[in-house]
Amino acid sequence: MHIDNGVSPPKVVWQPRGRDLQHEQLQFLLAYWKNLSDGDGRVAADEIDPLNMWPALGFVILVDVVEGGEDFRVRVYGSAIAQSVDVDVTGKLISETPWQGVVMDFFYAVYRAVLIRPEPLYTEHEPPADVGVKLWHRLMLPLGGADGKICRVLVGNVPGEWRKPVKDGED
């Protein structure tokens, strides 16, 4: 089934297990996050150490929550992801990124969902045809601040198979 923008609805899995994740980078990040968890499923943002995430580092995005989820700022944008889409959005707000329409709506929806329900969330989503990746595999892991509220999201984002992007006006 495709919705009116030409992409299939995303697959969404709350509380994924390692076997739910196809990519070893995402399996690693989930295990890393769980290892840091204080027992109630919470991980403090200041406990994250990029040096300890080296098996997945090129596929890591760190997103800061801005004004309670009104927007999100990309603190870190993994080099493997940047190379995949030929753009680096480090330092930008989600609202300032080149992705518009359904893609931006999806990003806001999943990041806000993790604020509301602070637990691991895994998605598989198909981008529009002008993107050279058929499917993105994304794991979102909430990180808390000193006040206990979610202040950052640790994201693993791994591209699936490649395809030739279709630009506007092409068939």
N, C-alpha and C. Protein backbone atom coordinates (compact mmCIF):
# COMPACT_ATOMS: atom_id res chain seq x y z
N MET A 1 0.83 -1.18 0.00
CA MET A 1 0.00 0.00 0.00
C MET A 1 0.88 1.24 0.00
N HIS A 2 0.59 2.20 -0.84
CA HIS A 2 1.27 3.49 -0.88
C HIS A 2 0.29 4.58 -0.50
N ILE A 3 0.77 5.57 0.23
CA ILE A 3 -0.08 6.71 0.53
C ILE A 3 0.09 7.73 -0.59
N ASP A 4 -0.64 8.81 -0.56
CA ASP A 4 -0.72 9.73 -1.70
C ASP A 4 0.61 10.38 -2.11
N ASN A 5 1.65 10.32 -1.29
CA ASN A 5 2.94 10.90 -1.68
C ASN A 5 3.85 9.87 -2.35
N GLY A 6 3.34 8.67 -2.60
CA GLY A 6 4.11 7.66 -3.31
C GLY A 6 4.98 6.77 -2.45
N VAL A 7 4.97 6.94 -1.14
CA VAL A 7 5.77 6.08 -0.27
C VAL A 7 4.88 5.21 0.59
N SER A 8 5.41 4.06 0.97
CA SER A 8 4.67 3.14 1.84
C SER A 8 4.66 3.66 3.27
N PRO A 9 3.66 3.29 4.05
CA PRO A 9 3.66 3.69 5.47
C PRO A 9 4.87 3.08 6.18
N PRO A 10 5.39 3.76 7.19
CA PRO A 10 6.56 3.23 7.90
C PRO A 10 6.19 2.04 8.78
N LYS A 11 7.20 1.23 9.06
CA LYS A 11 7.09 0.18 10.07
C LYS A 11 7.55 0.82 11.37
N VAL A 12 6.80 0.61 12.44
CA VAL A 12 7.11 1.22 13.74
C VAL A 12 7.09 0.13 14.81
N VAL A 13 8.19 0.03 15.57
CA VAL A 13 8.30 -0.98 16.63
C VAL A 13 8.78 -0.31 17.90
N TRP A 14 7.93 -0.28 18.92
CA TRP A 14 8.34 0.21 20.23
C TRP A 14 9.06 -0.91 20.97
N GLN A 15 10.03 -0.55 21.77
CA GLN A 15 10.80 -1.51 22.58
C GLN A 15 11.36 -2.65 21.72
N PRO A 16 12.08 -2.33 20.63
CA PRO A 16 12.62 -3.41 19.79
C PRO A 16 13.64 -4.23 20.56
N ARG A 17 13.75 -5.46 20.17
CA ARG A 17 14.80 -6.35 20.70
C ARG A 17 15.89 -6.43 19.64
N GLY A 18 17.04 -6.88 20.04
CA GLY A 18 18.16 -6.98 19.11
C GLY A 18 17.80 -7.72 17.84
N ARG A 19 17.02 -8.78 17.98
CA ARG A 19 16.66 -9.58 16.79
C ARG A 19 15.69 -8.85 15.86
N ASP A 20 15.07 -7.77 16.34
CA ASP A 20 14.19 -6.97 15.48
C ASP A 20 14.98 -6.06 14.55
N LEU A 21 16.27 -5.91 14.83
CA LEU A 21 17.11 -4.97 14.10
C LEU A 21 18.01 -5.71 13.13
N GLN A 22 17.93 -5.36 11.85
CA GLN A 22 18.68 -6.06 10.81
C GLN A 22 20.16 -5.70 10.78
N HIS A 23 20.51 -4.54 11.27
CA HIS A 23 21.87 -4.04 11.11
C HIS A 23 22.64 -4.08 12.42
N GLU A 24 23.88 -4.54 12.34
CA GLU A 24 24.69 -4.70 13.54
C GLU A 24 24.96 -3.37 14.24
N GLN A 25 24.99 -2.27 13.49
CA GLN A 25 25.20 -0.97 14.12
C GLN A 25 24.04 -0.63 15.05
N LEU A 26 22.81 -0.95 14.63
CA LEU A 26 21.64 -0.68 15.47
C LEU A 26 21.58 -1.64 16.65
N GLN A 27 21.93 -2.90 16.42
CA GLN A 27 21.99 -3.86 17.52
C GLN A 27 22.98 -3.39 18.58
N PHE A 28 24.14 -2.90 18.12
CA PHE A 28 25.16 -2.40 19.04
C PHE A 28 24.62 -1.22 19.85
N LEU A 29 24.00 -0.24 19.16
CA LEU A 29 23.50 0.95 19.87
C LEU A 29 22.44 0.59 20.90
N LEU A 30 21.55 -0.32 20.56
CA LEU A 30 20.52 -0.74 21.52
C LEU A 30 21.17 -1.38 22.75
N ALA A 31 22.14 -2.26 22.55
CA ALA A 31 22.83 -2.90 23.67
C ALA A 31 23.61 -1.87 24.50
N TYR A 32 24.26 -0.93 23.82
CA TYR A 32 25.00 0.14 24.51
C TYR A 32 24.06 0.96 25.39
N TRP A 33 22.93 1.37 24.83
CA TRP A 33 21.94 2.16 25.57
C TRP A 33 21.40 1.37 26.76
N LYS A 34 21.04 0.11 26.53
CA LYS A 34 20.50 -0.71 27.62
C LYS A 34 21.52 -0.90 28.73
N ASN A 35 22.79 -1.03 28.38
CA ASN A 35 23.84 -1.18 29.37
C ASN A 35 23.98 0.06 30.25
N LEU A 36 23.69 1.23 29.69
CA LEU A 36 23.76 2.48 30.45
C LEU A 36 22.49 2.76 31.24
N SER A 37 21.41 2.03 30.94
CA SER A 37 20.12 2.27 31.57
C SER A 37 20.21 2.07 33.08
N ASP A 38 19.51 2.94 33.81
CA ASP A 38 19.55 2.87 35.27
C ASP A 38 18.55 1.87 35.85
N GLY A 39 18.00 1.01 35.02
CA GLY A 39 17.07 0.00 35.51
C GLY A 39 15.63 0.33 35.19
N ASP A 40 15.31 1.61 35.05
CA ASP A 40 13.94 1.97 34.69
C ASP A 40 13.83 2.42 33.23
N GLY A 41 14.85 2.07 32.46
CA GLY A 41 14.82 2.41 31.04
C GLY A 41 15.26 3.82 30.74
N ARG A 42 15.88 4.49 31.69
CA ARG A 42 16.33 5.87 31.49
C ARG A 42 17.86 5.89 31.36
N VAL A 43 18.33 6.73 30.45
CA VAL A 43 19.76 6.95 30.28
C VAL A 43 19.99 8.44 30.28
N ALA A 44 20.96 8.88 31.06
CA ALA A 44 21.30 10.30 31.13
C ALA A 44 22.14 10.69 29.91
N ALA A 45 21.84 11.84 29.34
CA ALA A 45 22.55 12.32 28.15
C ALA A 45 24.05 12.44 28.40
N ASP A 46 24.44 12.83 29.60
CA ASP A 46 25.87 13.02 29.88
C ASP A 46 26.64 11.71 30.03
N GLU A 47 25.94 10.58 30.01
CA GLU A 47 26.61 9.28 30.07
C GLU A 47 27.08 8.79 28.70
N ILE A 48 26.58 9.41 27.64
CA ILE A 48 26.91 8.98 26.29
C ILE A 48 28.34 9.42 25.97
N ASP A 49 29.15 8.47 25.52
CA ASP A 49 30.54 8.74 25.15
C ASP A 49 30.76 8.25 23.72
N PRO A 50 30.96 9.17 22.79
CA PRO A 50 31.15 8.77 21.39
C PRO A 50 32.26 7.73 21.20
N LEU A 51 33.30 7.79 22.01
CA LEU A 51 34.39 6.82 21.87
C LEU A 51 33.92 5.39 22.15
N ASN A 52 32.89 5.26 22.95
CA ASN A 52 32.36 3.93 23.25
C ASN A 52 31.35 3.46 22.22
N MET A 53 31.05 4.31 21.24
CA MET A 53 30.09 3.93 20.20
C MET A 53 30.76 3.70 18.85
N TRP A 54 32.08 3.53 18.84
CA TRP A 54 32.82 3.46 17.57
C TRP A 54 32.27 2.44 16.58
N PRO A 55 31.72 1.27 16.97
CA PRO A 55 31.21 0.34 15.95
C PRO A 55 30.04 0.91 15.13
N ALA A 56 29.41 1.96 15.65
CA ALA A 56 28.24 2.51 14.96
C ALA A 56 28.39 4.00 14.65
N LEU A 57 29.50 4.59 14.99
CA LEU A 57 29.64 6.04 15.00
C LEU A 57 29.25 6.75 13.70
N GLY A 58 29.61 6.23 12.55
CA GLY A 58 29.25 6.87 11.29
C GLY A 58 27.76 6.89 11.02
N PHE A 59 27.01 6.08 11.78
CA PHE A 59 25.56 5.97 11.59
C PHE A 59 24.79 6.59 12.74
N VAL A 60 25.48 7.38 13.56
CA VAL A 60 24.86 7.99 14.74
C VAL A 60 24.46 9.43 14.46
N ILE A 61 23.26 9.77 14.93
CA ILE A 61 22.79 11.14 14.95
C ILE A 61 22.43 11.45 16.40
N LEU A 62 22.87 12.59 16.89
CA LEU A 62 22.42 13.07 18.20
C LEU A 62 21.57 14.30 17.96
N VAL A 63 20.36 14.27 18.47
CA VAL A 63 19.40 15.34 18.24
C VAL A 63 19.01 15.94 19.59
N ASP A 64 19.23 17.26 19.73
CA ASP A 64 18.83 17.96 20.94
C ASP A 64 17.38 18.42 20.83
N VAL A 65 16.65 18.31 21.92
CA VAL A 65 15.27 18.78 21.98
C VAL A 65 15.29 20.29 22.17
N VAL A 66 14.57 21.01 21.35
CA VAL A 66 14.50 22.47 21.42
C VAL A 66 13.08 22.88 21.80
N GLU A 67 12.98 23.68 22.85
CA GLU A 67 11.69 24.21 23.33
C GLU A 67 10.63 23.12 23.48
N GLY A 68 10.99 22.07 24.21
CA GLY A 68 10.04 21.02 24.53
C GLY A 68 9.57 20.19 23.35
N GLY A 69 10.28 20.25 22.23
CA GLY A 69 9.90 19.46 21.07
C GLY A 69 9.30 20.28 19.94
N GLU A 70 9.34 21.61 20.09
CA GLU A 70 8.89 22.47 18.99
C GLU A 70 9.79 22.27 17.78
N ASP A 71 11.07 22.00 18.05
CA ASP A 71 12.02 21.70 16.99
C ASP A 71 13.10 20.82 17.61
N PHE A 72 14.05 20.43 16.80
CA PHE A 72 15.15 19.56 17.22
C PHE A 72 16.41 20.02 16.50
N ARG A 73 17.53 20.11 17.23
CA ARG A 73 18.79 20.52 16.62
C ARG A 73 19.70 19.30 16.48
N VAL A 74 20.26 19.14 15.30
CA VAL A 74 21.17 18.03 15.03
C VAL A 74 22.54 18.39 15.59
N ARG A 75 22.91 17.76 16.67
CA ARG A 75 24.20 18.00 17.34
C ARG A 75 25.31 17.24 16.60
N VAL A 76 25.02 16.00 16.23
CA VAL A 76 25.98 15.14 15.52
C VAL A 76 25.23 14.48 14.38
N TYR A 77 25.85 14.45 13.22
CA TYR A 77 25.27 13.79 12.04
C TYR A 77 26.34 12.89 11.46
N GLY A 78 26.17 11.59 11.62
CA GLY A 78 27.19 10.61 11.26
C GLY A 78 27.71 10.75 9.84
N SER A 79 28.99 10.52 9.68
CA SER A 79 29.64 10.69 8.37
C SER A 79 29.10 9.71 7.33
N ALA A 80 28.76 8.50 7.73
CA ALA A 80 28.22 7.53 6.77
C ALA A 80 26.84 7.96 6.28
N ILE A 81 26.07 8.59 7.15
CA ILE A 81 24.75 9.08 6.75
C ILE A 81 24.91 10.29 5.82
N ALA A 82 25.78 11.22 6.22
CA ALA A 82 26.02 12.41 5.40
C ALA A 82 26.47 12.03 4.00
N GLN A 83 27.34 11.03 3.92
CA GLN A 83 27.82 10.57 2.62
C GLN A 83 26.68 9.93 1.82
N SER A 84 25.80 9.22 2.49
CA SER A 84 24.68 8.55 1.83
C SER A 84 23.72 9.52 1.15
N VAL A 85 23.49 10.67 1.79
CA VAL A 85 22.53 11.64 1.26
C VAL A 85 23.20 12.87 0.68
N ASP A 86 24.54 12.88 0.73
CA ASP A 86 25.33 13.97 0.17
C ASP A 86 24.99 15.33 0.80
N VAL A 87 24.75 15.31 2.09
CA VAL A 87 24.50 16.56 2.83
C VAL A 87 24.82 16.31 4.30
N ASP A 88 25.37 17.32 4.96
CA ASP A 88 25.65 17.25 6.39
C ASP A 88 24.80 18.32 7.08
N VAL A 89 23.96 17.89 7.98
CA VAL A 89 23.05 18.83 8.65
C VAL A 89 23.47 19.10 10.10
N THR A 90 24.72 18.78 10.44
CA THR A 90 25.21 19.05 11.79
C THR A 90 24.99 20.52 12.14
N GLY A 91 24.41 20.75 13.31
CA GLY A 91 24.17 22.10 13.80
C GLY A 91 22.86 22.71 13.36
N LYS A 92 22.19 22.10 12.43
CA LYS A 92 20.93 22.66 11.91
C LYS A 92 19.73 22.17 12.72
N LEU A 93 18.70 23.01 12.75
CA LEU A 93 17.41 22.57 13.26
C LEU A 93 16.77 21.67 12.20
N ILE A 94 15.91 20.77 12.63
CA ILE A 94 15.19 19.93 11.66
C ILE A 94 14.43 20.83 10.69
N SER A 95 13.89 21.92 11.18
CA SER A 95 13.14 22.84 10.31
C SER A 95 14.03 23.52 9.26
N GLU A 96 15.34 23.49 9.44
CA GLU A 96 16.27 24.11 8.50
C GLU A 96 16.88 23.11 7.51
N THR A 97 16.55 21.84 7.64
CA THR A 97 17.15 20.83 6.77
C THR A 97 16.49 20.86 5.40
N PRO A 98 17.13 20.26 4.40
CA PRO A 98 16.55 20.27 3.06
C PRO A 98 15.33 19.37 2.89
N TRP A 99 15.03 18.55 3.87
CA TRP A 99 13.92 17.61 3.75
C TRP A 99 12.62 18.30 4.12
N GLN A 100 11.69 18.27 3.24
CA GLN A 100 10.41 18.94 3.45
C GLN A 100 9.27 17.94 3.30
N GLY A 101 8.06 18.42 3.51
CA GLY A 101 6.87 17.60 3.30
C GLY A 101 6.80 16.41 4.22
N VAL A 102 6.48 15.25 3.65
CA VAL A 102 6.24 14.04 4.42
C VAL A 102 7.48 13.60 5.19
N VAL A 103 8.67 13.85 4.67
CA VAL A 103 9.90 13.44 5.37
C VAL A 103 10.05 14.25 6.66
N MET A 104 9.90 15.56 6.57
CA MET A 104 10.00 16.39 7.77
C MET A 104 8.89 16.05 8.76
N ASP A 105 7.69 15.84 8.27
CA ASP A 105 6.57 15.45 9.14
C ASP A 105 6.90 14.17 9.88
N PHE A 106 7.50 13.21 9.18
CA PHE A 106 7.88 11.93 9.79
C PHE A 106 8.91 12.15 10.89
N PHE A 107 9.96 12.95 10.60
CA PHE A 107 10.99 13.21 11.61
C PHE A 107 10.39 13.83 12.86
N TYR A 108 9.56 14.86 12.69
CA TYR A 108 8.93 15.48 13.85
C TYR A 108 8.07 14.47 14.61
N ALA A 109 7.32 13.67 13.90
CA ALA A 109 6.42 12.70 14.54
C ALA A 109 7.19 11.69 15.40
N VAL A 110 8.26 11.12 14.86
CA VAL A 110 8.96 10.09 15.62
C VAL A 110 9.76 10.68 16.77
N TYR A 111 10.38 11.84 16.58
CA TYR A 111 11.12 12.44 17.69
C TYR A 111 10.16 12.88 18.80
N ARG A 112 9.03 13.44 18.43
CA ARG A 112 8.05 13.83 19.45
C ARG A 112 7.45 12.61 20.13
N ALA A 113 7.27 11.54 19.40
CA ALA A 113 6.76 10.30 20.00
C ALA A 113 7.68 9.80 21.10
N VAL A 114 8.99 9.90 20.88
CA VAL A 114 9.96 9.46 21.89
C VAL A 114 9.94 10.38 23.11
N LEU A 115 9.58 11.64 22.92
CA LEU A 115 9.43 12.54 24.08
C LEU A 115 8.22 12.14 24.91
N ILE A 116 7.15 11.77 24.24
CA ILE A 116 5.91 11.41 24.92
C ILE A 116 6.01 10.04 25.57
N ARG A 117 6.62 9.12 24.86
CA ARG A 117 6.78 7.75 25.33
C ARG A 117 8.28 7.44 25.34
N PRO A 118 8.98 7.80 26.41
CA PRO A 118 10.45 7.74 26.43
C PRO A 118 11.00 6.31 26.53
N GLU A 119 10.96 5.65 25.39
CA GLU A 119 11.52 4.30 25.29
C GLU A 119 12.01 4.10 23.86
N PRO A 120 12.83 3.08 23.64
CA PRO A 120 13.37 2.86 22.30
C PRO A 120 12.28 2.69 21.25
N LEU A 121 12.54 3.30 20.10
CA LEU A 121 11.62 3.23 18.97
C LEU A 121 12.42 2.91 17.72
N TYR A 122 11.98 1.89 16.99
CA TYR A 122 12.61 1.49 15.73
C TYR A 122 11.63 1.71 14.60
N THR A 123 12.12 2.30 13.52
CA THR A 123 11.28 2.49 12.34
C THR A 123 12.04 2.07 11.09
N GLU A 124 11.27 1.68 10.11
CA GLU A 124 11.78 1.50 8.75
C GLU A 124 10.88 2.38 7.90
N HIS A 125 11.50 3.31 7.17
CA HIS A 125 10.67 4.19 6.35
C HIS A 125 11.28 4.37 4.96
N GLU A 126 10.39 4.47 4.03
CA GLU A 126 10.75 4.66 2.63
C GLU A 126 10.75 6.16 2.33
N PRO A 127 11.89 6.68 1.86
CA PRO A 127 11.90 8.10 1.49
C PRO A 127 11.29 8.31 0.11
N PRO A 128 11.04 9.55 -0.25
CA PRO A 128 10.55 9.83 -1.60
C PRO A 128 11.54 9.34 -2.66
N ALA A 129 11.07 9.22 -3.88
CA ALA A 129 11.85 8.64 -4.98
C ALA A 129 13.11 9.44 -5.34
N ASP A 130 13.19 10.71 -4.94
CA ASP A 130 14.38 11.50 -5.28
C ASP A 130 15.56 11.23 -4.35
N VAL A 131 15.38 10.32 -3.39
CA VAL A 131 16.45 9.91 -2.49
C VAL A 131 16.98 8.57 -2.97
N GLY A 132 18.28 8.40 -2.97
CA GLY A 132 18.91 7.20 -3.51
C GLY A 132 18.91 5.99 -2.60
N VAL A 133 18.14 6.03 -1.53
CA VAL A 133 18.03 4.91 -0.59
C VAL A 133 16.59 4.42 -0.62
N LYS A 134 16.40 3.11 -0.74
CA LYS A 134 15.04 2.56 -0.78
C LYS A 134 14.37 2.57 0.59
N LEU A 135 15.16 2.37 1.65
CA LEU A 135 14.58 2.22 2.99
C LEU A 135 15.60 2.65 4.03
N TRP A 136 15.17 3.42 5.00
CA TRP A 136 16.02 3.79 6.13
C TRP A 136 15.61 2.98 7.34
N HIS A 137 16.60 2.48 8.08
CA HIS A 137 16.40 1.74 9.32
C HIS A 137 16.87 2.66 10.44
N ARG A 138 15.94 3.08 11.30
CA ARG A 138 16.23 4.12 12.30
C ARG A 138 15.86 3.61 13.69
N LEU A 139 16.78 3.74 14.62
CA LEU A 139 16.56 3.41 16.03
C LEU A 139 16.73 4.68 16.84
N MET A 140 15.71 5.04 17.61
CA MET A 140 15.74 6.25 18.42
C MET A 140 15.74 5.87 19.90
N LEU A 141 16.70 6.42 20.63
CA LEU A 141 16.90 6.09 22.03
C LEU A 141 16.88 7.38 22.85
N PRO A 142 15.93 7.52 23.78
CA PRO A 142 15.80 8.76 24.55
C PRO A 142 16.92 8.92 25.57
N LEU A 143 17.35 10.18 25.75
CA LEU A 143 18.37 10.52 26.73
C LEU A 143 17.84 11.64 27.61
N GLY A 144 18.00 11.47 28.91
CA GLY A 144 17.45 12.43 29.85
C GLY A 144 18.44 13.46 30.33
N GLY A 145 17.90 14.60 30.76
CA GLY A 145 18.70 15.66 31.35
C GLY A 145 18.67 15.56 32.87
N ALA A 146 19.30 16.51 33.53
CA ALA A 146 19.36 16.53 34.99
C ALA A 146 17.98 16.60 35.61
N ASP A 147 17.02 17.22 34.90
CA ASP A 147 15.66 17.35 35.42
C ASP A 147 14.81 16.10 35.16
N GLY A 148 15.39 15.08 34.50
CA GLY A 148 14.66 13.85 34.22
C GLY A 148 13.88 13.87 32.91
N LYS A 149 13.76 15.04 32.29
CA LYS A 149 13.04 15.13 31.01
C LYS A 149 13.98 14.74 29.87
N ILE A 150 13.39 14.26 28.80
CA ILE A 150 14.18 13.90 27.62
C ILE A 150 14.72 15.18 27.01
N CYS A 151 16.05 15.27 26.87
CA CYS A 151 16.68 16.47 26.32
C CYS A 151 17.41 16.18 25.01
N ARG A 152 17.58 14.90 24.70
CA ARG A 152 18.34 14.52 23.51
C ARG A 152 17.86 13.14 23.08
N VAL A 153 18.03 12.85 21.79
CA VAL A 153 17.71 11.53 21.27
C VAL A 153 18.95 11.01 20.55
N LEU A 154 19.38 9.82 20.94
CA LEU A 154 20.46 9.11 20.27
C LEU A 154 19.82 8.29 19.16
N VAL A 155 20.24 8.53 17.93
CA VAL A 155 19.63 7.89 16.78
C VAL A 155 20.68 7.09 16.02
N GLY A 156 20.32 5.87 15.69
CA GLY A 156 21.11 5.09 14.74
C GLY A 156 20.31 5.08 13.45
N ASN A 157 20.95 5.41 12.34
CA ASN A 157 20.23 5.52 11.07
C ASN A 157 21.07 4.84 9.99
N VAL A 158 20.59 3.70 9.51
CA VAL A 158 21.34 2.90 8.55
C VAL A 158 20.55 2.79 7.25
N PRO A 159 21.19 3.13 6.13
CA PRO A 159 20.48 3.00 4.85
C PRO A 159 20.35 1.54 4.44
N GLY A 160 19.26 1.25 3.75
CA GLY A 160 19.08 -0.07 3.17
C GLY A 160 19.66 -0.10 1.77
N GLU A 161 19.01 -0.80 0.88
CA GLU A 161 19.48 -0.91 -0.50
C GLU A 161 19.44 0.44 -1.21
N TRP A 162 20.29 0.56 -2.23
CA TRP A 162 20.36 1.77 -3.03
C TRP A 162 19.49 1.66 -4.26
N ARG A 163 19.11 2.80 -4.77
CA ARG A 163 18.36 2.89 -6.01
C ARG A 163 18.77 4.16 -6.73
N LYS A 164 18.47 4.23 -7.98
CA LYS A 164 18.74 5.47 -8.74
C LYS A 164 17.65 6.48 -8.37
N PRO A 165 18.06 7.64 -7.84
CA PRO A 165 17.06 8.65 -7.49
C PRO A 165 16.31 9.15 -8.74
N VAL A 166 15.02 9.37 -8.58
CA VAL A 166 14.20 9.91 -9.65
C VAL A 166 13.97 11.38 -9.34
N LYS A 167 14.49 12.25 -10.21
CA LYS A 167 14.32 13.69 -10.03
C LYS A 167 13.00 14.13 -10.62
N ASP A 168 12.51 15.28 -10.19
CA ASP A 168 11.25 15.83 -10.74
C ASP A 168 11.30 15.86 -12.26
N GLY A 169 10.24 15.40 -12.89
CA GLY A 169 10.14 15.41 -14.35
C GLY A 169 10.68 14.16 -15.02
N GLU A 170 11.38 13.28 -14.24
CA GLU A 170 11.88 12.03 -14.81
C GLU A 170 10.86 10.92 -14.59
N ASP A 171 10.94 9.89 -15.40
CA ASP A 171 10.10 8.71 -15.19
C ASP A 171 10.94 7.52 -14.85
